[in-house]
Amino acid sequence: HYTDVWVHTEAAQSFPIRVVPTQVFILADGTPYQPSEVFEEEIGVSFTFYNHKDTGELTFTAHEGALTLAQMRAILADMGATL
């Protein structure tokens, strides 16, 4: 889902948006997406992992900056999306 944080500022308040674009990856069932280190290296993307402050459990994964179309498709496929 795409949200313009300049228009819908309230939508971004739940996430640590520091730069635009920022992509936040959460699986369709609401669980956090966690790519493997090997996958990150394969597609040349560095993710930031956000953990719950009390439990340390992963809450969501983000990427700051632009992604190529090939990188975005690879990520979506890794998340289980059919393209």
Protein backbone atom coordinates (compact mmCIF):
# COMPACT_ATOMS: atom_id res chain seq x y z
CA HIS A 1 0.00 0.00 0.00
CA TYR A 2 1.33 3.44 -0.91
CA THR A 3 0.75 6.46 1.35
CA ASP A 4 1.85 10.02 0.59
CA VAL A 5 3.18 11.15 3.99
CA TRP A 6 3.13 14.79 2.91
CA VAL A 7 -0.65 14.59 2.41
CA HIS A 8 -1.44 12.05 5.16
CA THR A 9 0.99 13.09 7.89
CA GLU A 10 -0.92 11.16 10.55
CA ALA A 11 -0.22 7.88 8.71
CA ALA A 12 3.52 8.31 9.16
CA GLN A 13 3.39 9.11 12.88
CA SER A 14 3.50 5.41 13.84
CA PHE A 15 6.77 4.87 11.97
CA PRO A 16 10.22 6.49 12.24
CA ILE A 17 10.18 8.16 8.82
CA ARG A 18 13.47 10.04 8.46
CA VAL A 19 13.73 10.29 4.68
CA VAL A 20 11.39 10.10 1.73
CA PRO A 21 11.04 7.59 0.26
CA THR A 22 10.94 5.07 3.07
CA GLN A 23 9.41 1.65 2.53
CA VAL A 24 8.01 -0.24 5.52
CA PHE A 25 7.59 -3.98 4.96
CA ILE A 26 4.96 -5.93 6.88
CA LEU A 27 3.56 -9.24 5.61
CA ALA A 28 -0.11 -9.49 4.61
CA ASP A 29 -0.92 -11.38 7.81
CA GLY A 30 0.48 -8.51 9.90
CA THR A 31 3.72 -10.21 10.87
CA PRO A 32 7.02 -8.47 10.23
CA TYR A 33 8.95 -9.23 7.05
CA GLN A 34 12.47 -10.44 7.81
CA PRO A 35 14.73 -11.03 4.81
CA SER A 36 17.85 -13.10 5.19
CA GLU A 37 21.28 -11.49 5.07
CA VAL A 38 21.98 -13.50 1.94
CA PHE A 39 18.90 -12.01 0.26
CA GLU A 40 20.00 -8.48 1.21
CA GLU A 41 23.39 -9.11 -0.39
CA GLU A 42 21.88 -10.73 -3.50
CA ILE A 43 19.68 -7.75 -4.35
CA GLY A 44 22.03 -5.05 -2.98
CA VAL A 45 19.62 -3.63 -0.41
CA SER A 46 20.23 -2.76 3.22
CA PHE A 47 17.21 -3.01 5.51
CA THR A 48 16.68 -1.46 8.92
CA PHE A 49 15.02 -3.69 11.52
CA TYR A 50 12.86 -2.17 14.24
CA ASN A 51 12.30 -4.13 17.43
CA HIS A 52 9.77 -3.69 20.22
CA LYS A 53 11.45 -1.72 23.01
CA ASP A 54 10.21 -4.05 25.78
CA THR A 55 10.38 -7.50 24.20
CA GLY A 56 13.08 -7.03 21.57
CA GLU A 57 10.78 -8.76 19.08
CA LEU A 58 10.93 -7.59 15.46
CA THR A 59 8.00 -5.26 14.74
CA PHE A 60 8.75 -4.21 11.17
CA THR A 61 11.44 -3.88 8.54
CA ALA A 62 12.17 -0.71 6.58
CA HIS A 63 14.33 0.55 3.75
CA GLU A 64 15.26 4.20 3.37
CA GLY A 65 15.80 5.63 -0.09
CA ALA A 66 14.87 4.57 -3.57
CA LEU A 67 14.66 1.00 -4.81
CA THR A 68 14.91 -0.12 -8.39
CA LEU A 69 11.94 -1.88 -9.92
CA ALA A 70 13.92 -5.14 -9.92
CA GLN A 71 14.75 -4.75 -6.22
CA MET A 72 11.12 -4.01 -5.29
CA ARG A 73 9.90 -6.99 -7.30
CA ALA A 74 12.47 -9.24 -5.63
CA ILE A 75 11.41 -8.05 -2.18
CA LEU A 76 7.70 -8.52 -2.94
CA ALA A 77 8.38 -12.00 -4.32
CA ASP A 78 10.41 -12.85 -1.21
CA MET A 79 7.43 -11.68 0.85
CA GLY A 80 5.22 -14.14 -1.04
CA ALA A 81 3.42 -11.73 -3.34
CA THR A 82 2.46 -12.93 -6.79
CA LEU A 83 3.37 -10.47 -9.48
